[in-house]
């Protein structure tokens, strides 16, 4: 979280990469400027085969 007008956004990028690596997804949604932003992360209940490879 940042109150800066601009930032690198690496935290969100990392979260998206980890979500996909674990077989999930990250979605960013907004109704437009000054309307706020929703970020949804969905992860499977069980780890995929790829997930175990990422942990090594």
PDB file of N, CA and C in Angstrom:
ATOM      1  N   UNK A   1       0.835  -1.176   0.000  1.00  0.00           N
ATOM      2  CA  UNK A   1       0.000   0.000   0.000  1.00  0.00           C
ATOM      3  C   UNK A   1       0.876   1.233   0.000  1.00  0.00           C
ATOM      4  N   UNK A   2       0.509   2.210  -0.822  1.00  0.00           N
ATOM      5  CA  UNK A   2       1.275   3.451  -0.891  1.00  0.00           C
ATOM      6  C   UNK A   2       0.349   4.623  -1.172  1.00  0.00           C
ATOM      7  N   UNK A   3       0.641   5.755  -0.576  1.00  0.00           N
ATOM      8  CA  UNK A   3      -0.126   6.971  -0.857  1.00  0.00           C
ATOM      9  C   UNK A   3       0.566   7.825  -1.912  1.00  0.00           C
ATOM     10  N   UNK A   4       1.661   7.333  -2.472  1.00  0.00           N
ATOM     11  CA  UNK A   4       2.386   8.054  -3.517  1.00  0.00           C
ATOM     12  C   UNK A   4       1.552   8.105  -4.796  1.00  0.00           C
ATOM     13  N   UNK A   5       1.709   9.179  -5.560  1.00  0.00           N
ATOM     14  CA  UNK A   5       1.000   9.287  -6.830  1.00  0.00           C
ATOM     15  C   UNK A   5       1.528   8.305  -7.864  1.00  0.00           C
ATOM     16  N   UNK A   6       2.797   7.947  -7.766  1.00  0.00           N
ATOM     17  CA  UNK A   6       3.354   6.950  -8.677  1.00  0.00           C
ATOM     18  C   UNK A   6       4.329   6.066  -7.901  1.00  0.00           C
ATOM     19  N   UNK A   7       4.398   4.826  -8.307  1.00  0.00           N
ATOM     20  CA  UNK A   7       5.328   3.887  -7.679  1.00  0.00           C
ATOM     21  C   UNK A   7       5.668   2.806  -8.691  1.00  0.00           C
ATOM     22  N   UNK A   8       6.627   1.967  -8.350  1.00  0.00           N
ATOM     23  CA  UNK A   8       7.062   0.909  -9.262  1.00  0.00           C
ATOM     24  C   UNK A   8       6.022  -0.194  -9.394  1.00  0.00           C
ATOM     25  N   UNK A   9       5.204  -0.426  -8.372  1.00  0.00           N
ATOM     26  CA  UNK A   9       4.182  -1.459  -8.442  1.00  0.00           C
ATOM     27  C   UNK A   9       4.723  -2.872  -8.390  1.00  0.00           C
ATOM     28  N   UNK A  10       5.904  -3.056  -7.849  1.00  0.00           N
ATOM     29  CA  UNK A  10       6.512  -4.388  -7.827  1.00  0.00           C
ATOM     30  C   UNK A  10       5.781  -5.352  -6.903  1.00  0.00           C
ATOM     31  N   UNK A  11       5.160  -4.864  -5.856  1.00  0.00           N
ATOM     32  CA  UNK A  11       4.433  -5.741  -4.940  1.00  0.00           C
ATOM     33  C   UNK A  11       3.265  -6.423  -5.622  1.00  0.00           C
ATOM     34  N   UNK A  12       2.505  -5.674  -6.398  1.00  0.00           N
ATOM     35  CA  UNK A  12       1.365  -6.232  -7.116  1.00  0.00           C
ATOM     36  C   UNK A  12       1.835  -7.201  -8.200  1.00  0.00           C
ATOM     37  N   UNK A  13       2.910  -6.874  -8.867  1.00  0.00           N
ATOM     38  CA  UNK A  13       3.467  -7.756  -9.895  1.00  0.00           C
ATOM     39  C   UNK A  13       3.923  -9.075  -9.269  1.00  0.00           C
ATOM     40  N   UNK A  14       4.595  -8.997  -8.132  1.00  0.00           N
ATOM     41  CA  UNK A  14       5.045 -10.210  -7.436  1.00  0.00           C
ATOM     42  C   UNK A  14       3.858 -11.046  -6.992  1.00  0.00           C
ATOM     43  N   UNK A  15       2.829 -10.408  -6.463  1.00  0.00           N
ATOM     44  CA  UNK A  15       1.630 -11.127  -6.031  1.00  0.00           C
ATOM     45  C   UNK A  15       0.979 -11.840  -7.212  1.00  0.00           C
ATOM     46  N   UNK A  16       0.929 -11.191  -8.363  1.00  0.00           N
ATOM     47  CA  UNK A  16       0.358 -11.816  -9.554  1.00  0.00           C
ATOM     48  C   UNK A  16       1.187 -13.020  -9.984  1.00  0.00           C
ATOM     49  N   UNK A  17       2.510 -12.875  -9.983  1.00  0.00           N
ATOM     50  CA  UNK A  17       3.382 -13.992 -10.364  1.00  0.00           C
ATOM     51  C   UNK A  17       3.236 -15.177  -9.419  1.00  0.00           C
ATOM     52  N   UNK A  18       3.199 -14.927  -8.117  1.00  0.00           N
ATOM     53  CA  UNK A  18       3.038 -16.011  -7.147  1.00  0.00           C
ATOM     54  C   UNK A  18       1.670 -16.674  -7.288  1.00  0.00           C
ATOM     55  N   UNK A  19       0.635 -15.885  -7.524  1.00  0.00           N
ATOM     56  CA  UNK A  19      -0.711 -16.435  -7.694  1.00  0.00           C
ATOM     57  C   UNK A  19      -0.753 -17.402  -8.865  1.00  0.00           C
ATOM     58  N   UNK A  20      -0.198 -16.991 -10.002  1.00  0.00           N
ATOM     59  CA  UNK A  20      -0.190 -17.834 -11.197  1.00  0.00           C
ATOM     60  C   UNK A  20       0.673 -19.076 -10.972  1.00  0.00           C
ATOM     61  N   UNK A  21       1.811 -18.925 -10.321  1.00  0.00           N
ATOM     62  CA  UNK A  21       2.698 -20.060 -10.060  1.00  0.00           C
ATOM     63  C   UNK A  21       2.017 -21.112  -9.194  1.00  0.00           C
ATOM     64  N   UNK A  22       1.084 -20.692  -8.348  1.00  0.00           N
ATOM     65  CA  UNK A  22       0.367 -21.626  -7.477  1.00  0.00           C
ATOM     66  C   UNK A  22      -0.946 -22.092  -8.097  1.00  0.00           C
ATOM     67  N   UNK A  23      -1.147 -21.800  -9.382  1.00  0.00           N
ATOM     68  CA  UNK A  23      -2.343 -22.269 -10.070  1.00  0.00           C
ATOM     69  C   UNK A  23      -3.542 -21.371  -9.878  1.00  0.00           C
ATOM     70  N   UNK A  24      -3.334 -20.155  -9.435  1.00  0.00           N
ATOM     71  CA  UNK A  24      -4.432 -19.224  -9.201  1.00  0.00           C
ATOM     72  C   UNK A  24      -4.391 -18.055 -10.160  1.00  0.00           C
ATOM     73  N   UNK A  25      -5.013 -16.957  -9.742  1.00  0.00           N
ATOM     74  CA  UNK A  25      -5.045 -15.766 -10.578  1.00  0.00           C
ATOM     75  C   UNK A  25      -5.184 -14.527  -9.714  1.00  0.00           C
ATOM     76  N   UNK A  26      -4.821 -13.391 -10.272  1.00  0.00           N
ATOM     77  CA  UNK A  26      -4.992 -12.104  -9.624  1.00  0.00           C
ATOM     78  C   UNK A  26      -5.702 -11.200 -10.617  1.00  0.00           C
ATOM     79  N   UNK A  27      -6.797 -10.577 -10.184  1.00  0.00           N
ATOM     80  CA  UNK A  27      -7.548  -9.663 -11.049  1.00  0.00           C
ATOM     81  C   UNK A  27      -7.613  -8.295 -10.391  1.00  0.00           C
ATOM     82  N   UNK A  28      -7.465  -7.259 -11.205  1.00  0.00           N
ATOM     83  CA  UNK A  28      -7.588  -5.879 -10.743  1.00  0.00           C
ATOM     84  C   UNK A  28      -8.786  -5.278 -11.454  1.00  0.00           C
ATOM     85  N   UNK A  29      -9.719  -4.701 -10.670  1.00  0.00           N
ATOM     86  CA  UNK A  29     -10.943  -4.146 -11.238  1.00  0.00           C
ATOM     87  C   UNK A  29     -11.178  -2.735 -10.712  1.00  0.00           C
ATOM     88  N   UNK A  30     -11.717  -1.870 -11.578  1.00  0.00           N
ATOM     89  CA  UNK A  30     -12.064  -0.512 -11.182  1.00  0.00           C
ATOM     90  C   UNK A  30     -13.197  -0.017 -12.070  1.00  0.00           C
ATOM     91  N   UNK A  31     -14.082   0.791 -11.506  1.00  0.00           N
ATOM     92  CA  UNK A  31     -15.166   1.395 -12.280  1.00  0.00           C
ATOM     93  C   UNK A  31     -14.729   2.694 -12.944  1.00  0.00           C
ATOM     94  N   UNK A  32     -13.510   3.126 -12.710  1.00  0.00           N
ATOM     95  CA  UNK A  32     -13.006   4.338 -13.340  1.00  0.00           C
ATOM     96  C   UNK A  32     -12.222   5.187 -12.372  1.00  0.00           C
ATOM     97  N   UNK A  33     -11.722   6.322 -12.850  1.00  0.00           N
ATOM     98  CA  UNK A  33     -10.933   7.218 -12.005  1.00  0.00           C
ATOM     99  C   UNK A  33     -11.697   7.656 -10.751  1.00  0.00           C
ATOM    100  N   UNK A  34     -10.999   7.687  -9.638  1.00  0.00           N
ATOM    101  CA  UNK A  34     -11.556   8.116  -8.345  1.00  0.00           C
ATOM    102  C   UNK A  34     -12.702   7.234  -7.845  1.00  0.00           C
ATOM    103  N   UNK A  35     -12.805   6.004  -8.350  1.00  0.00           N
ATOM    104  CA  UNK A  35     -13.860   5.082  -7.929  1.00  0.00           C
ATOM    105  C   UNK A  35     -13.322   3.939  -7.082  1.00  0.00           C
ATOM    106  N   UNK A  36     -12.031   3.951  -6.811  1.00  0.00           N
ATOM    107  CA  UNK A  36     -11.430   2.879  -6.024  1.00  0.00           C
ATOM    108  C   UNK A  36     -11.022   1.713  -6.903  1.00  0.00           C
ATOM    109  N   UNK A  37     -10.328   0.789  -6.298  1.00  0.00           N
ATOM    110  CA  UNK A  37      -9.820  -0.382  -7.005  1.00  0.00           C
ATOM    111  C   UNK A  37     -10.078  -1.620  -6.167  1.00  0.00           C
ATOM    112  N   UNK A  38     -10.490  -2.692  -6.817  1.00  0.00           N
ATOM    113  CA  UNK A  38     -10.645  -3.987  -6.156  1.00  0.00           C
ATOM    114  C   UNK A  38      -9.586  -4.924  -6.721  1.00  0.00           C
ATOM    115  N   UNK A  39      -8.932  -5.644  -5.832  1.00  0.00           N
ATOM    116  CA  UNK A  39      -7.946  -6.641  -6.247  1.00  0.00           C
ATOM    117  C   UNK A  39      -8.394  -7.980  -5.685  1.00  0.00           C
ATOM    118  N   UNK A  40      -8.576  -8.946  -6.568  1.00  0.00           N
ATOM    119  CA  UNK A  40      -9.052 -10.268  -6.153  1.00  0.00           C
ATOM    120  C   UNK A  40      -7.979 -11.298  -6.465  1.00  0.00           C
ATOM    121  N   UNK A  41      -7.604 -12.061  -5.445  1.00  0.00           N
ATOM    122  CA  UNK A  41      -6.649 -13.157  -5.620  1.00  0.00           C
ATOM    123  C   UNK A  41      -7.392 -14.452  -5.348  1.00  0.00           C
ATOM    124  N   UNK A  42      -7.340 -15.355  -6.302  1.00  0.00           N
ATOM    125  CA  UNK A  42      -7.960 -16.673  -6.137  1.00  0.00           C
ATOM    126  C   UNK A  42      -6.864 -17.720  -6.201  1.00  0.00           C
ATOM    127  N   UNK A  43      -6.878 -18.608  -5.218  1.00  0.00           N
ATOM    128  CA  UNK A  43      -5.901 -19.695  -5.155  1.00  0.00           C
ATOM    129  C   UNK A  43      -6.641 -21.017  -5.002  1.00  0.00           C
ATOM    130  N   UNK A  44      -6.121 -22.086  -5.600  1.00  0.00           N
ATOM    131  CA  UNK A  44      -6.762 -23.390  -5.450  1.00  0.00           C
ATOM    132  C   UNK A  44      -6.598 -23.909  -4.020  1.00  0.00           C
ATOM    133  N   UNK A  45      -7.516 -24.761  -3.612  1.00  0.00           N
ATOM    134  CA  UNK A  45      -7.425 -25.357  -2.282  1.00  0.00           C
ATOM    135  C   UNK A  45      -6.268 -26.336  -2.188  1.00  0.00           C
ATOM    136  N   UNK A  46      -5.926 -26.967  -3.302  1.00  0.00           N
ATOM    137  CA  UNK A  46      -4.798 -27.893  -3.337  1.00  0.00           C
ATOM    138  C   UNK A  46      -3.757 -27.360  -4.304  1.00  0.00           C
ATOM    139  N   UNK A  47      -2.512 -27.619  -4.008  1.00  0.00           N
ATOM    140  CA  UNK A  47      -1.404 -27.154  -4.840  1.00  0.00           C
ATOM    141  C   UNK A  47      -1.327 -27.974  -6.128  1.00  0.00           C
ATOM    142  N   UNK A  48      -1.069 -27.296  -7.237  1.00  0.00           N
ATOM    143  CA  UNK A  48      -0.867 -28.000  -8.501  1.00  0.00           C
ATOM    144  C   UNK A  48       0.556 -28.570  -8.547  1.00  0.00           C
ATOM    145  N   UNK A  49       0.837 -29.392  -9.533  1.00  0.00           N
ATOM    146  CA  UNK A  49       2.167 -29.979  -9.692  1.00  0.00           C
ATOM    147  C   UNK A  49       3.212 -28.874  -9.854  1.00  0.00           C
ATOM    148  N   UNK A  50       2.879 -27.821 -10.595  1.00  0.00           N
ATOM    149  CA  UNK A  50       3.789 -26.697 -10.809  1.00  0.00           C
ATOM    150  C   UNK A  50       4.117 -26.009  -9.489  1.00  0.00           C
ATOM    151  N   UNK A  51       3.186 -25.952  -8.583  1.00  0.00           N
ATOM    152  CA  UNK A  51       3.389 -25.303  -7.284  1.00  0.00           C
ATOM    153  C   UNK A  51       4.525 -25.976  -6.521  1.00  0.00           C
ATOM    154  N   UNK A  52       4.571 -27.277  -6.551  1.00  0.00           N
ATOM    155  CA  UNK A  52       5.624 -27.989  -5.828  1.00  0.00           C
ATOM    156  C   UNK A  52       6.989 -27.730  -6.449  1.00  0.00           C
ATOM    157  N   UNK A  53       7.046 -27.565  -7.765  1.00  0.00           N
ATOM    158  CA  UNK A  53       8.307 -27.262  -8.435  1.00  0.00           C
ATOM    159  C   UNK A  53       8.800 -25.873  -8.061  1.00  0.00           C
ATOM    160  N   UNK A  54       7.900 -24.915  -7.889  1.00  0.00           N
ATOM    161  CA  UNK A  54       8.268 -23.547  -7.526  1.00  0.00           C
ATOM    162  C   UNK A  54       8.905 -23.514  -6.149  1.00  0.00           C
ATOM    163  N   UNK A  55       8.437 -24.355  -5.238  1.00  0.00           N
ATOM    164  CA  UNK A  55       8.939 -24.358  -3.862  1.00  0.00           C
ATOM    165  C   UNK A  55      10.385 -24.820  -3.761  1.00  0.00           C
ATOM    166  N   UNK A  56      10.876 -25.629  -4.709  1.00  0.00           N
ATOM    167  CA  UNK A  56      12.224 -26.209  -4.628  1.00  0.00           C
ATOM    168  C   UNK A  56      13.297 -25.194  -4.796  1.00  0.00           C
TER     169      UNK A  56
END
